[in-house]
Amino acid sequence: PALAQAFVIGRLAELPGRHPGLDVDLATDLRAVSLDRHKADI
């Protein structure tokens, strides 16, 4: 959460403007979520 709020959001939100067909879903969690279970891509 802190990394997302203080750093990632501002930088990541630039991408949809550069790539009109690209959508980004940013989720925050102190505990790790599973990539293997496809809860996140990155």
Full PDB file with SEQRES, HELIX, SHEET, SSBOND, CRYST1, ORIGX, SCALE, CONECT and MASTER records, all heavy atoms in Angstrom:
SEQRES   1 A   42  PRO ALA LEU ALA GLN ALA PHE VAL ILE GLY ARG LEU ALA          
SEQRES   2 A   42  GLU LEU PRO GLY ARG HIS PRO GLY LEU ASP VAL ASP LEU          
SEQRES   3 A   42  ALA THR ASP LEU ARG ALA VAL SER LEU ASP ARG HIS LYS          
SEQRES   4 A   42  ALA ASP ILE                                                  
HELIX    1 AA1 ALA A    2  LEU A    3  1                                   2    
HELIX    2 AA2 ALA A    4  VAL A    8  3                                   5    
HELIX    3 AA3 ILE A    9  LEU A   12  1                                   4    
HELIX    4 AA4 LEU A   15  ARG A   18  1                                   4    
CRYST1    1.000    1.000    1.000  90.00  90.00  90.00 P 1           1          
ORIGX1      1.000000  0.000000  0.000000        0.00000                         
ORIGX2      0.000000  1.000000  0.000000        0.00000                         
ORIGX3      0.000000  0.000000  1.000000        0.00000                         
SCALE1      1.000000  0.000000  0.000000        0.00000                         
SCALE2      0.000000  1.000000  0.000000        0.00000                         
SCALE3      0.000000  0.000000  1.000000        0.00000                         
ATOM      1  N   PRO A   1       0.793  -1.233   0.000  1.00  0.00           N  
ATOM      2  CA  PRO A   1       0.000   0.000   0.000  1.00  0.00           C  
ATOM      3  C   PRO A   1       0.824   1.281   0.000  1.00  0.00           C  
ATOM      4  O   PRO A   1       0.556   2.201  -0.777  1.00  0.00           O  
ATOM      5  CB  PRO A   1      -0.857  -0.103   1.269  1.00  0.00           C  
ATOM      6  CG  PRO A   1      -0.685  -1.445   1.804  1.00  0.00           C  
ATOM      7  CD  PRO A   1       0.411  -2.141   1.083  1.00  0.00           C  
ATOM      8  N   ALA A   2       1.815   1.382   0.890  1.00  0.00           N  
ATOM      9  CA  ALA A   2       2.590   2.618   0.961  1.00  0.00           C  
ATOM     10  C   ALA A   2       3.375   2.852  -0.319  1.00  0.00           C  
ATOM     11  O   ALA A   2       3.433   3.969  -0.835  1.00  0.00           O  
ATOM     12  CB  ALA A   2       3.543   2.570   2.163  1.00  0.00           C  
ATOM     13  N   LEU A   3       3.958   1.804  -0.853  1.00  0.00           N  
ATOM     14  CA  LEU A   3       4.722   1.937  -2.089  1.00  0.00           C  
ATOM     15  C   LEU A   3       3.809   2.349  -3.242  1.00  0.00           C  
ATOM     16  O   LEU A   3       4.176   3.167  -4.093  1.00  0.00           O  
ATOM     17  CB  LEU A   3       5.428   0.617  -2.407  1.00  0.00           C  
ATOM     18  CG  LEU A   3       6.432   0.617  -3.559  1.00  0.00           C  
ATOM     19  CD1 LEU A   3       7.523   1.648  -3.340  1.00  0.00           C  
ATOM     20  CD2 LEU A   3       7.038  -0.774  -3.732  1.00  0.00           C  
ATOM     21  N   ALA A   4       2.606   1.801  -3.260  1.00  0.00           N  
ATOM     22  CA  ALA A   4       1.643   2.161  -4.299  1.00  0.00           C  
ATOM     23  C   ALA A   4       1.238   3.625  -4.178  1.00  0.00           C  
ATOM     24  O   ALA A   4       1.262   4.386  -5.145  1.00  0.00           O  
ATOM     25  CB  ALA A   4       0.419   1.255  -4.217  1.00  0.00           C  
ATOM     26  N   GLN A   5       0.884   4.049  -2.970  1.00  0.00           N  
ATOM     27  CA  GLN A   5       0.367   5.403  -2.777  1.00  0.00           C  
ATOM     28  C   GLN A   5       1.433   6.474  -2.976  1.00  0.00           C  
ATOM     29  O   GLN A   5       1.183   7.518  -3.588  1.00  0.00           O  
ATOM     30  CB  GLN A   5      -0.226   5.528  -1.378  1.00  0.00           C  
ATOM     31  CG  GLN A   5      -1.469   4.682  -1.153  1.00  0.00           C  
ATOM     32  CD  GLN A   5      -1.887   4.662   0.313  1.00  0.00           C  
ATOM     33  OE1 GLN A   5      -1.622   5.592   1.048  1.00  0.00           O  
ATOM     34  NE2 GLN A   5      -2.521   3.575   0.736  1.00  0.00           N  
ATOM     35  N   ALA A   6       2.640   6.221  -2.462  1.00  0.00           N  
ATOM     36  CA  ALA A   6       3.663   7.264  -2.468  1.00  0.00           C  
ATOM     37  C   ALA A   6       4.519   7.269  -3.727  1.00  0.00           C  
ATOM     38  O   ALA A   6       5.209   8.247  -3.987  1.00  0.00           O  
ATOM     39  CB  ALA A   6       4.576   7.097  -1.245  1.00  0.00           C  
ATOM     40  N   PHE A   7       4.458   6.188  -4.524  1.00  0.00           N  
ATOM     41  CA  PHE A   7       5.350   6.151  -5.678  1.00  0.00           C  
ATOM     42  C   PHE A   7       4.709   5.568  -6.932  1.00  0.00           C  
ATOM     43  O   PHE A   7       4.753   6.171  -8.006  1.00  0.00           O  
ATOM     44  CB  PHE A   7       6.611   5.352  -5.333  1.00  0.00           C  
ATOM     45  CG  PHE A   7       7.623   5.335  -6.439  1.00  0.00           C  
ATOM     46  CD1 PHE A   7       8.447   6.425  -6.655  1.00  0.00           C  
ATOM     47  CD2 PHE A   7       7.748   4.235  -7.273  1.00  0.00           C  
ATOM     48  CE1 PHE A   7       9.380   6.427  -7.688  1.00  0.00           C  
ATOM     49  CE2 PHE A   7       8.666   4.218  -8.308  1.00  0.00           C  
ATOM     50  CZ  PHE A   7       9.481   5.324  -8.522  1.00  0.00           C  
ATOM     51  N   VAL A   8       4.098   4.393  -6.823  1.00  0.00           N  
ATOM     52  CA  VAL A   8       3.694   3.657  -8.023  1.00  0.00           C  
ATOM     53  C   VAL A   8       2.530   4.316  -8.749  1.00  0.00           C  
ATOM     54  O   VAL A   8       2.535   4.425  -9.982  1.00  0.00           O  
ATOM     55  CB  VAL A   8       3.356   2.187  -7.673  1.00  0.00           C  
ATOM     56  CG1 VAL A   8       2.809   1.451  -8.893  1.00  0.00           C  
ATOM     57  CG2 VAL A   8       4.598   1.475  -7.138  1.00  0.00           C  
ATOM     58  N   ILE A   9       1.511   4.766  -8.020  1.00  0.00           N  
ATOM     59  CA  ILE A   9       0.300   5.281  -8.665  1.00  0.00           C  
ATOM     60  C   ILE A   9       0.616   6.398  -9.651  1.00  0.00           C  
ATOM     61  O   ILE A   9       0.167   6.383 -10.809  1.00  0.00           O  
ATOM     62  CB  ILE A   9      -0.720   5.765  -7.615  1.00  0.00           C  
ATOM     63  CG1 ILE A   9      -1.304   4.578  -6.849  1.00  0.00           C  
ATOM     64  CG2 ILE A   9      -1.848   6.548  -8.285  1.00  0.00           C  
ATOM     65  CD1 ILE A   9      -2.230   4.975  -5.715  1.00  0.00           C  
ATOM     66  N   GLY A  10       1.375   7.379  -9.219  1.00  0.00           N  
ATOM     67  CA  GLY A  10       1.666   8.513 -10.084  1.00  0.00           C  
ATOM     68  C   GLY A  10       2.402   8.133 -11.349  1.00  0.00           C  
ATOM     69  O   GLY A  10       2.183   8.725 -12.413  1.00  0.00           O  
ATOM     70  N   ARG A  11       3.277   7.135 -11.248  1.00  0.00           N  
ATOM     71  CA  ARG A  11       4.039   6.710 -12.425  1.00  0.00           C  
ATOM     72  C   ARG A  11       3.241   5.761 -13.309  1.00  0.00           C  
ATOM     73  O   ARG A  11       3.317   5.824 -14.536  1.00  0.00           O  
ATOM     74  CB  ARG A  11       5.326   6.015 -12.001  1.00  0.00           C  
ATOM     75  CG  ARG A  11       6.486   6.935 -11.634  1.00  0.00           C  
ATOM     76  CD  ARG A  11       6.350   7.490 -10.251  1.00  0.00           C  
ATOM     77  NE  ARG A  11       7.522   8.294  -9.867  1.00  0.00           N  
ATOM     78  CZ  ARG A  11       7.609   8.949  -8.722  1.00  0.00           C  
ATOM     79  NH1 ARG A  11       6.597   8.928  -7.858  1.00  0.00           N  
ATOM     80  NH2 ARG A  11       8.696   9.652  -8.436  1.00  0.00           N  
ATOM     81  N   LEU A  12       2.459   4.895 -12.692  1.00  0.00           N  
ATOM     82  CA  LEU A  12       1.724   3.894 -13.460  1.00  0.00           C  
ATOM     83  C   LEU A  12       0.534   4.489 -14.196  1.00  0.00           C  
ATOM     84  O   LEU A  12       0.155   4.029 -15.281  1.00  0.00           O  
ATOM     85  CB  LEU A  12       1.251   2.786 -12.511  1.00  0.00           C  
ATOM     86  CG  LEU A  12       0.948   1.414 -13.108  1.00  0.00           C  
ATOM     87  CD1 LEU A  12       2.114   0.897 -13.936  1.00  0.00           C  
ATOM     88  CD2 LEU A  12       0.619   0.434 -11.995  1.00  0.00           C  
ATOM     89  N   ALA A  13      -0.047   5.539 -13.627  1.00  0.00           N  
ATOM     90  CA  ALA A  13      -1.223   6.161 -14.248  1.00  0.00           C  
ATOM     91  C   ALA A  13      -0.887   6.862 -15.561  1.00  0.00           C  
ATOM     92  O   ALA A  13      -1.795   7.236 -16.315  1.00  0.00           O  
ATOM     93  CB  ALA A  13      -1.855   7.151 -13.271  1.00  0.00           C  
ATOM     94  N   GLU A  14       0.401   7.014 -15.866  1.00  0.00           N  
ATOM     95  CA  GLU A  14       0.797   7.622 -17.135  1.00  0.00           C  
ATOM     96  C   GLU A  14       0.516   6.689 -18.322  1.00  0.00           C  
ATOM     97  O   GLU A  14       0.322   7.162 -19.450  1.00  0.00           O  
ATOM     98  CB  GLU A  14       2.300   7.925 -17.123  1.00  0.00           C  
ATOM     99  CG  GLU A  14       2.759   8.838 -16.008  1.00  0.00           C  
ATOM    100  CD  GLU A  14       4.284   8.871 -15.908  1.00  0.00           C  
ATOM    101  OE1 GLU A  14       4.941   8.142 -16.693  1.00  0.00           O  
ATOM    102  OE2 GLU A  14       4.819   9.613 -15.059  1.00  0.00           O  
ATOM    103  N   LEU A  15       0.508   5.381 -18.078  1.00  0.00           N  
ATOM    104  CA  LEU A  15       0.501   4.418 -19.180  1.00  0.00           C  
ATOM    105  C   LEU A  15      -0.773   4.428 -20.032  1.00  0.00           C  
ATOM    106  O   LEU A  15      -0.680   4.383 -21.260  1.00  0.00           O  
ATOM    107  CB  LEU A  15       0.765   3.007 -18.646  1.00  0.00           C  
ATOM    108  CG  LEU A  15       2.235   2.654 -18.433  1.00  0.00           C  
ATOM    109  CD1 LEU A  15       2.365   1.245 -17.885  1.00  0.00           C  
ATOM    110  CD2 LEU A  15       3.012   2.785 -19.724  1.00  0.00           C  
ATOM    111  N   PRO A  16      -1.983   4.434 -19.434  1.00  0.00           N  
ATOM    112  CA  PRO A  16      -3.171   4.430 -20.301  1.00  0.00           C  
ATOM    113  C   PRO A  16      -3.225   5.609 -21.266  1.00  0.00           C  
ATOM    114  O   PRO A  16      -3.768   5.490 -22.373  1.00  0.00           O  
ATOM    115  CB  PRO A  16      -4.330   4.461 -19.289  1.00  0.00           C  
ATOM    116  CG  PRO A  16      -3.779   3.832 -18.062  1.00  0.00           C  
ATOM    117  CD  PRO A  16      -2.352   4.289 -18.009  1.00  0.00           C  
ATOM    118  N   GLY A  17      -2.670   6.758 -20.867  1.00  0.00           N  
ATOM    119  CA  GLY A  17      -2.628   7.893 -21.777  1.00  0.00           C  
ATOM    120  C   GLY A  17      -1.690   7.664 -22.943  1.00  0.00           C  
ATOM    121  O   GLY A  17      -1.940   8.115 -24.064  1.00  0.00           O  
ATOM    122  N   ARG A  18      -0.613   6.955 -22.693  1.00  0.00           N  
ATOM    123  CA  ARG A  18       0.347   6.662 -23.759  1.00  0.00           C  
ATOM    124  C   ARG A  18      -0.143   5.532 -24.669  1.00  0.00           C  
ATOM    125  O   ARG A  18       0.178   5.486 -25.852  1.00  0.00           O  
ATOM    126  CB  ARG A  18       1.690   6.248 -23.158  1.00  0.00           C  
ATOM    127  CG  ARG A  18       2.375   7.329 -22.357  1.00  0.00           C  
ATOM    128  CD  ARG A  18       3.712   6.807 -21.855  1.00  0.00           C  
ATOM    129  NE  ARG A  18       4.344   7.731 -20.919  1.00  0.00           N  
ATOM    130  CZ  ARG A  18       5.475   7.466 -20.293  1.00  0.00           C  
ATOM    131  NH1 ARG A  18       6.105   6.320 -20.504  1.00  0.00           N  
ATOM    132  NH2 ARG A  18       5.992   8.357 -19.455  1.00  0.00           N  
ATOM    133  N   HIS A  19      -0.884   4.595 -24.079  1.00  0.00           N  
ATOM    134  CA  HIS A  19      -1.371   3.428 -24.822  1.00  0.00           C  
ATOM    135  C   HIS A  19      -2.890   3.345 -24.628  1.00  0.00           C  
ATOM    136  O   HIS A  19      -3.364   2.741 -23.651  1.00  0.00           O  
ATOM    137  CB  HIS A  19      -0.705   2.146 -24.325  1.00  0.00           C  
ATOM    138  CG  HIS A  19       0.794   2.198 -24.342  1.00  0.00           C  
ATOM    139  ND1 HIS A  19       1.523   2.089 -25.500  1.00  0.00           N  
ATOM    140  CD2 HIS A  19       1.691   2.355 -23.330  1.00  0.00           C  
ATOM    141  CE1 HIS A  19       2.812   2.162 -25.212  1.00  0.00           C  
ATOM    142  NE2 HIS A  19       2.941   2.331 -23.911  1.00  0.00           N  
ATOM    143  N   PRO A  20      -3.674   3.955 -25.500  1.00  0.00           N  
ATOM    144  CA  PRO A  20      -5.123   4.051 -25.298  1.00  0.00           C  
ATOM    145  C   PRO A  20      -5.844   2.712 -25.139  1.00  0.00           C  
ATOM    146  O   PRO A  20      -6.922   2.673 -24.561  1.00  0.00           O  
ATOM    147  CB  PRO A  20      -5.592   4.790 -26.559  1.00  0.00           C  
ATOM    148  CG  PRO A  20      -4.400   5.572 -26.999  1.00  0.00           C  
ATOM    149  CD  PRO A  20      -3.211   4.722 -26.674  1.00  0.00           C  
ATOM    150  N   GLY A  21      -5.261   1.627 -25.632  1.00  0.00           N  
ATOM    151  CA  GLY A  21      -5.921   0.331 -25.493  1.00  0.00           C  
ATOM    152  C   GLY A  21      -5.525  -0.423 -24.242  1.00  0.00           C  
ATOM    153  O   GLY A  21      -6.007  -1.537 -24.007  1.00  0.00           O  
ATOM    154  N   LEU A  22      -4.654   0.156 -23.426  1.00  0.00           N  
ATOM    155  CA  LEU A  22      -4.125  -0.525 -22.245  1.00  0.00           C  
ATOM    156  C   LEU A  22      -4.845  -0.052 -20.988  1.00  0.00           C  
ATOM    157  O   LEU A  22      -4.954   1.145 -20.732  1.00  0.00           O  
ATOM    158  CB  LEU A  22      -2.624  -0.244 -22.126  1.00  0.00           C  
ATOM    159  CG  LEU A  22      -1.885  -0.925 -20.966  1.00  0.00           C  
ATOM    160  CD1 LEU A  22      -1.893  -2.440 -21.130  1.00  0.00           C  
ATOM    161  CD2 LEU A  22      -0.446  -0.406 -20.892  1.00  0.00           C  
ATOM    162  N   ASP A  23      -5.346  -0.999 -20.195  1.00  0.00           N  
ATOM    163  CA  ASP A  23      -6.001  -0.690 -18.922  1.00  0.00           C  
ATOM    164  C   ASP A  23      -5.164  -1.272 -17.790  1.00  0.00           C  
ATOM    165  O   ASP A  23      -4.622  -2.382 -17.910  1.00  0.00           O  
ATOM    166  CB  ASP A  23      -7.410  -1.282 -18.870  1.00  0.00           C  
ATOM    167  CG  ASP A  23      -8.309  -0.722 -19.960  1.00  0.00           C  
ATOM    168  OD1 ASP A  23      -8.143   0.462 -20.312  1.00  0.00           O  
ATOM    169  OD2 ASP A  23      -9.160  -1.475 -20.467  1.00  0.00           O  
ATOM    170  N   VAL A  24      -5.073  -0.541 -16.670  1.00  0.00           N  
ATOM    171  CA  VAL A  24      -4.276  -0.982 -15.529  1.00  0.00           C  
ATOM    172  C   VAL A  24      -5.162  -1.046 -14.294  1.00  0.00           C  
ATOM    173  O   VAL A  24      -5.931  -0.122 -14.014  1.00  0.00           O  
ATOM    174  CB  VAL A  24      -3.094  -0.025 -15.269  1.00  0.00           C  
ATOM    175  CG1 VAL A  24      -2.320  -0.466 -14.027  1.00  0.00           C  
ATOM    176  CG2 VAL A  24      -2.167   0.027 -16.482  1.00  0.00           C  
ATOM    177  N   ASP A  25      -5.056  -2.148 -13.579  1.00  0.00           N  
ATOM    178  CA  ASP A  25      -5.773  -2.348 -12.312  1.00  0.00           C  
ATOM    179  C   ASP A  25      -4.713  -2.489 -11.227  1.00  0.00           C  
ATOM    180  O   ASP A  25      -3.961  -3.458 -11.207  1.00  0.00           O  
ATOM    181  CB  ASP A  25      -6.636  -3.612 -12.398  1.00  0.00           C  
ATOM    182  CG  ASP A  25      -7.444  -3.867 -11.128  1.00  0.00           C  
ATOM    183  OD1 ASP A  25      -7.019  -3.431 -10.044  1.00  0.00           O  
ATOM    184  OD2 ASP A  25      -8.491  -4.530 -11.216  1.00  0.00           O  
ATOM    185  N   LEU A  26      -4.615  -1.489 -10.335  1.00  0.00           N  
ATOM    186  CA  LEU A  26      -3.622  -1.515  -9.263  1.00  0.00           C  
ATOM    187  C   LEU A  26      -4.295  -1.856  -7.950  1.00  0.00           C  
ATOM    188  O   LEU A  26      -5.176  -1.131  -7.491  1.00  0.00           O  
ATOM    189  CB  LEU A  26      -2.901  -0.169  -9.159  1.00  0.00           C  
ATOM    190  CG  LEU A  26      -1.891  -0.042  -8.013  1.00  0.00           C  
ATOM    191  CD1 LEU A  26      -0.760  -1.044  -8.165  1.00  0.00           C  
ATOM    192  CD2 LEU A  26      -1.350   1.379  -7.930  1.00  0.00           C  
ATOM    193  N   ALA A  27      -3.883  -2.960  -7.350  1.00  0.00           N  
ATOM    194  CA  ALA A  27      -4.400  -3.378  -6.050  1.00  0.00           C  
ATOM    195  C   ALA A  27      -3.267  -3.314  -5.038  1.00  0.00           C  
ATOM    196  O   ALA A  27      -2.098  -3.502  -5.379  1.00  0.00           O  
ATOM    197  CB  ALA A  27      -4.961  -4.798  -6.119  1.00  0.00           C  
ATOM    198  N   THR A  28      -3.611  -3.023  -3.796  1.00  0.00           N  
ATOM    199  CA  THR A  28      -2.597  -2.923  -2.753  1.00  0.00           C  
ATOM    200  C   THR A  28      -2.925  -3.879  -1.624  1.00  0.00           C  
ATOM    201  O   THR A  28      -4.085  -4.072  -1.265  1.00  0.00           O  
ATOM    202  CB  THR A  28      -2.503  -1.492  -2.194  1.00  0.00           C  
ATOM    203  OG1 THR A  28      -3.738  -1.156  -1.557  1.00  0.00           O  
ATOM    204  CG2 THR A  28      -2.227  -0.501  -3.308  1.00  0.00           C  
ATOM    205  N   ASP A  29      -1.895  -4.471  -1.077  1.00  0.00           N  
ATOM    206  CA  ASP A  29      -2.068  -5.399   0.035  1.00  0.00           C  
ATOM    207  C   ASP A  29      -0.741  -5.539   0.751  1.00  0.00           C  
ATOM    208  O   ASP A  29       0.302  -5.677   0.111  1.00  0.00           O  
ATOM    209  CB  ASP A  29      -2.533  -6.769  -0.462  1.00  0.00           C  
ATOM    210  CG  ASP A  29      -3.235  -7.569   0.618  1.00  0.00           C  
ATOM    211  OD1 ASP A  29      -2.647  -7.708   1.704  1.00  0.00           O  
ATOM    212  OD2 ASP A  29      -4.356  -8.053   0.383  1.00  0.00           O  
ATOM    213  N   LEU A  30      -0.777  -5.514   2.091  1.00  0.00           N  
ATOM    214  CA  LEU A  30       0.452  -5.735   2.851  1.00  0.00           C  
ATOM    215  C   LEU A  30       0.932  -7.165   2.703  1.00  0.00           C  
ATOM    216  O   LEU A  30       2.118  -7.453   2.793  1.00  0.00           O  
ATOM    217  CB  LEU A  30       0.216  -5.433   4.339  1.00  0.00           C  
ATOM    218  CG  LEU A  30       0.291  -3.952   4.743  1.00  0.00           C  
ATOM    219  CD1 LEU A  30      -0.146  -3.793   6.186  1.00  0.00           C  
ATOM    220  CD2 LEU A  30       1.687  -3.408   4.561  1.00  0.00           C  
ATOM    221  N   ARG A  31      -0.007  -8.085   2.501  1.00  0.00           N  
ATOM    222  CA  ARG A  31       0.359  -9.495   2.355  1.00  0.00           C  
ATOM    223  C   ARG A  31       0.425  -9.843   0.870  1.00  0.00           C  
ATOM    224  O   ARG A  31      -0.316  -9.304   0.048  1.00  0.00           O  
ATOM    225  CB  ARG A  31      -0.689 -10.390   3.041  1.00  0.00           C  
ATOM    226  CG  ARG A  31      -1.079  -9.914   4.431  1.00  0.00           C  
ATOM    227  CD  ARG A  31       0.057 -10.044   5.426  1.00  0.00           C  
ATOM    228  NE  ARG A  31      -0.266  -9.419   6.700  1.00  0.00           N  
ATOM    229  CZ  ARG A  31       0.474  -9.526   7.790  1.00  0.00           C  
ATOM    230  NH1 ARG A  31       1.595 -10.232   7.760  1.00  0.00           N  
ATOM    231  NH2 ARG A  31       0.124  -8.913   8.906  1.00  0.00           N  
ATOM    232  N   ALA A  32       1.291 -10.763   0.535  1.00  0.00           N  
ATOM    233  CA  ALA A  32       1.487 -11.132  -0.865  1.00  0.00           C  
ATOM    234  C   ALA A  32       0.235 -11.809  -1.422  1.00  0.00           C  
ATOM    235  O   ALA A  32      -0.375 -12.651  -0.763  1.00  0.00           O  
ATOM    236  CB  ALA A  32       2.685 -12.065  -0.992  1.00  0.00           C  
ATOM    237  N   VAL A  33      -0.164 -11.438  -2.632  1.00  0.00           N  
ATOM    238  CA  VAL A  33      -1.228 -12.145  -3.326  1.00  0.00           C  
ATOM    239  C   VAL A  33      -0.588 -13.082  -4.343  1.00  0.00           C  
ATOM    240  O   VAL A  33       0.572 -12.945  -4.703  1.00  0.00           O  
ATOM    241  CB  VAL A  33      -2.200 -11.181  -4.041  1.00  0.00           C  
ATOM    242  CG1 VAL A  33      -2.814 -10.220  -3.045  1.00  0.00           C  
ATOM    243  CG2 VAL A  33      -1.500 -10.432  -5.158  1.00  0.00           C  
ATOM    244  N   SER A  34      -1.363 -14.051  -4.786  1.00  0.00           N  
ATOM    245  CA  SER A  34      -0.815 -15.111  -5.614  1.00  0.00           C  
ATOM    246  C   SER A  34      -0.811 -14.747  -7.098  1.00  0.00           C  
ATOM    247  O   SER A  34      -1.856 -14.512  -7.688  1.00  0.00           O  
ATOM    248  CB  SER A  34      -1.622 -16.408  -5.409  1.00  0.00           C  
ATOM    249  OG  SER A  34      -1.175 -17.413  -6.291  1.00  0.00           O  
ATOM    250  N   LEU A  35       0.380 -14.722  -7.684  1.00  0.00           N  
ATOM    251  CA  LEU A  35       0.490 -14.633  -9.135  1.00  0.00           C  
ATOM    252  C   LEU A  35       0.058 -15.948  -9.759  1.00  0.00           C  
ATOM    253  O   LEU A  35      -0.571 -15.973 -10.813  1.00  0.00           O  
ATOM    254  CB  LEU A  35       1.932 -14.333  -9.542  1.00  0.00           C  
ATOM    255  CG  LEU A  35       2.461 -12.917  -9.359  1.00  0.00           C  
ATOM    256  CD1 LEU A  35       3.926 -12.874  -9.757  1.00  0.00           C  
ATOM    257  CD2 LEU A  35       1.681 -11.927 -10.179  1.00  0.00           C  
ATOM    258  N   ASP A  36       0.417 -17.046  -9.110  1.00  0.00           N  
ATOM    259  CA  ASP A  36       0.130 -18.362  -9.658  1.00  0.00           C  
ATOM    260  C   ASP A  36      -1.371 -18.592  -9.799  1.00  0.00           C  
ATOM    261  O   ASP A  36      -1.816 -19.276 -10.714  1.00  0.00           O  
ATOM    262  CB  ASP A  36       0.755 -19.442  -8.770  1.00  0.00           C  
ATOM    263  CG  ASP A  36       0.781 -20.796  -9.446  1.00  0.00           C  
ATOM    264  OD1 ASP A  36       1.187 -20.862 -10.620  1.00  0.00           O  
ATOM    265  OD2 ASP A  36       0.377 -21.787  -8.811  1.00  0.00           O  
ATOM    266  N   ARG A  37      -2.140 -18.007  -8.899  1.00  0.00           N  
ATOM    267  CA  ARG A  37      -3.601 -18.161  -8.968  1.00  0.00           C  
ATOM    268  C   ARG A  37      -4.252 -17.057  -9.790  1.00  0.00           C  
ATOM    269  O   ARG A  37      -5.463 -16.884  -9.769  1.00  0.00           O  
ATOM    270  CB  ARG A  37      -4.188 -18.181  -7.550  1.00  0.00           C  
ATOM    271  CG  ARG A  37      -3.717 -19.387  -6.743  1.00  0.00           C  
ATOM    272  CD  ARG A  37      -4.317 -19.413  -5.361  1.00  0.00           C  
ATOM    273  NE  ARG A  37      -3.784 -20.528  -4.589  1.00  0.00           N  
ATOM    274  CZ  ARG A  37      -4.124 -20.811  -3.329  1.00  0.00           C  
ATOM    275  NH1 ARG A  37      -5.008 -20.033  -2.711  1.00  0.00           N  
ATOM    276  NH2 ARG A  37      -3.599 -21.833  -2.703  1.00  0.00           N  
ATOM    277  N   HIS A  38      -3.436 -16.282 -10.481  1.00  0.00           N  
ATOM    278  CA  HIS A  38      -3.901 -15.246 -11.410  1.00  0.00           C  
ATOM    279  C   HIS A  38      -4.701 -14.150 -10.708  1.00  0.00           C  
ATOM    280  O   HIS A  38      -5.600 -13.557 -11.300  1.00  0.00           O  
ATOM    281  CB  HIS A  38      -4.724 -15.872 -12.539  1.00  0.00           C  
ATOM    282  CG  HIS A  38      -3.870 -16.575 -13.547  1.00  0.00           C  
ATOM    283  ND1 HIS A  38      -3.931 -16.307 -14.892  1.00  0.00           N  
ATOM    284  CD2 HIS A  38      -2.910 -17.518 -13.405  1.00  0.00           C  
ATOM    285  CE1 HIS A  38      -3.065 -17.075 -15.540  1.00  0.00           C  
ATOM    286  NE2 HIS A  38      -2.430 -17.813 -14.650  1.00  0.00           N  
ATOM    287  N   LYS A  39      -4.348 -13.860  -9.443  1.00  0.00           N  
ATOM    288  CA  LYS A  39      -4.954 -12.712  -8.780  1.00  0.00           C  
ATOM    289  C   LYS A  39      -4.270 -11.424  -9.196  1.00  0.00           C  
ATOM    290  O   LYS A  39      -4.771 -10.330  -8.928  1.00  0.00           O  
ATOM    291  CB  LYS A  39      -4.895 -12.891  -7.259  1.00  0.00           C  
ATOM    292  CG  LYS A  39      -5.779 -14.032  -6.756  1.00  0.00           C  
ATOM    293  CD  LYS A  39      -5.760 -14.110  -5.250  1.00  0.00           C  
ATOM    294  CE  LYS A  39      -6.696 -15.203  -4.749  1.00  0.00           C  
ATOM    295  NZ  LYS A  39      -6.682 -15.311  -3.270  1.00  0.00           N  
ATOM    296  N   ALA A  40      -3.090 -11.542  -9.795  1.00  0.00           N  
ATOM    297  CA  ALA A  40      -2.365 -10.392 -10.337  1.00  0.00           C  
ATOM    298  C   ALA A  40      -1.504 -10.885 -11.489  1.00  0.00           C  
ATOM    299  O   ALA A  40      -1.175 -12.071 -11.578  1.00  0.00           O  
ATOM    300  CB  ALA A  40      -1.500  -9.740  -9.257  1.00  0.00           C  
ATOM    301  N   ASP A  41      -1.154  -9.963 -12.379  1.00  0.00           N  
ATOM    302  CA  ASP A  41      -0.257 -10.285 -13.493  1.00  0.00           C  
ATOM    303  C   ASP A  41       1.173  -9.852 -13.197  1.00  0.00           C  
ATOM    304  O   ASP A  41       2.129 -10.465 -13.674  1.00  0.00           O  
ATOM    305  CB  ASP A  41      -0.737  -9.589 -14.773  1.00  0.00           C  
ATOM    306  CG  ASP A  41      -2.147  -9.986 -15.148  1.00  0.00           C  
ATOM    307  OD1 ASP A  41      -2.402 -11.190 -15.285  1.00  0.00           O  
ATOM    308  OD2 ASP A  41      -3.003  -9.085 -15.291  1.00  0.00           O  
ATOM    309  N   ILE A  42       1.301  -8.777 -12.435  1.00  0.00           N  
ATOM    310  CA  ILE A  42       2.603  -8.248 -12.035  1.00  0.00           C  
ATOM    311  C   ILE A  42       2.538  -7.991 -10.532  1.00  0.00           C  
ATOM    312  O   ILE A  42       1.559  -7.449 -10.036  1.00  0.00           O  
ATOM    313  CB  ILE A  42       2.931  -6.935 -12.767  1.00  0.00           C  
ATOM    314  CG1 ILE A  42       3.040  -7.155 -14.275  1.00  0.00           C  
ATOM    315  CG2 ILE A  42       4.219  -6.315 -12.226  1.00  0.00           C  
ATOM    316  CD1 ILE A  42       3.187  -5.873 -15.077  1.00  0.00           C  
TER     317      ILE A  42                                                      
MASTER        0    0    0    4    0    0    0    6  316    1    0    4          
END                                                                             
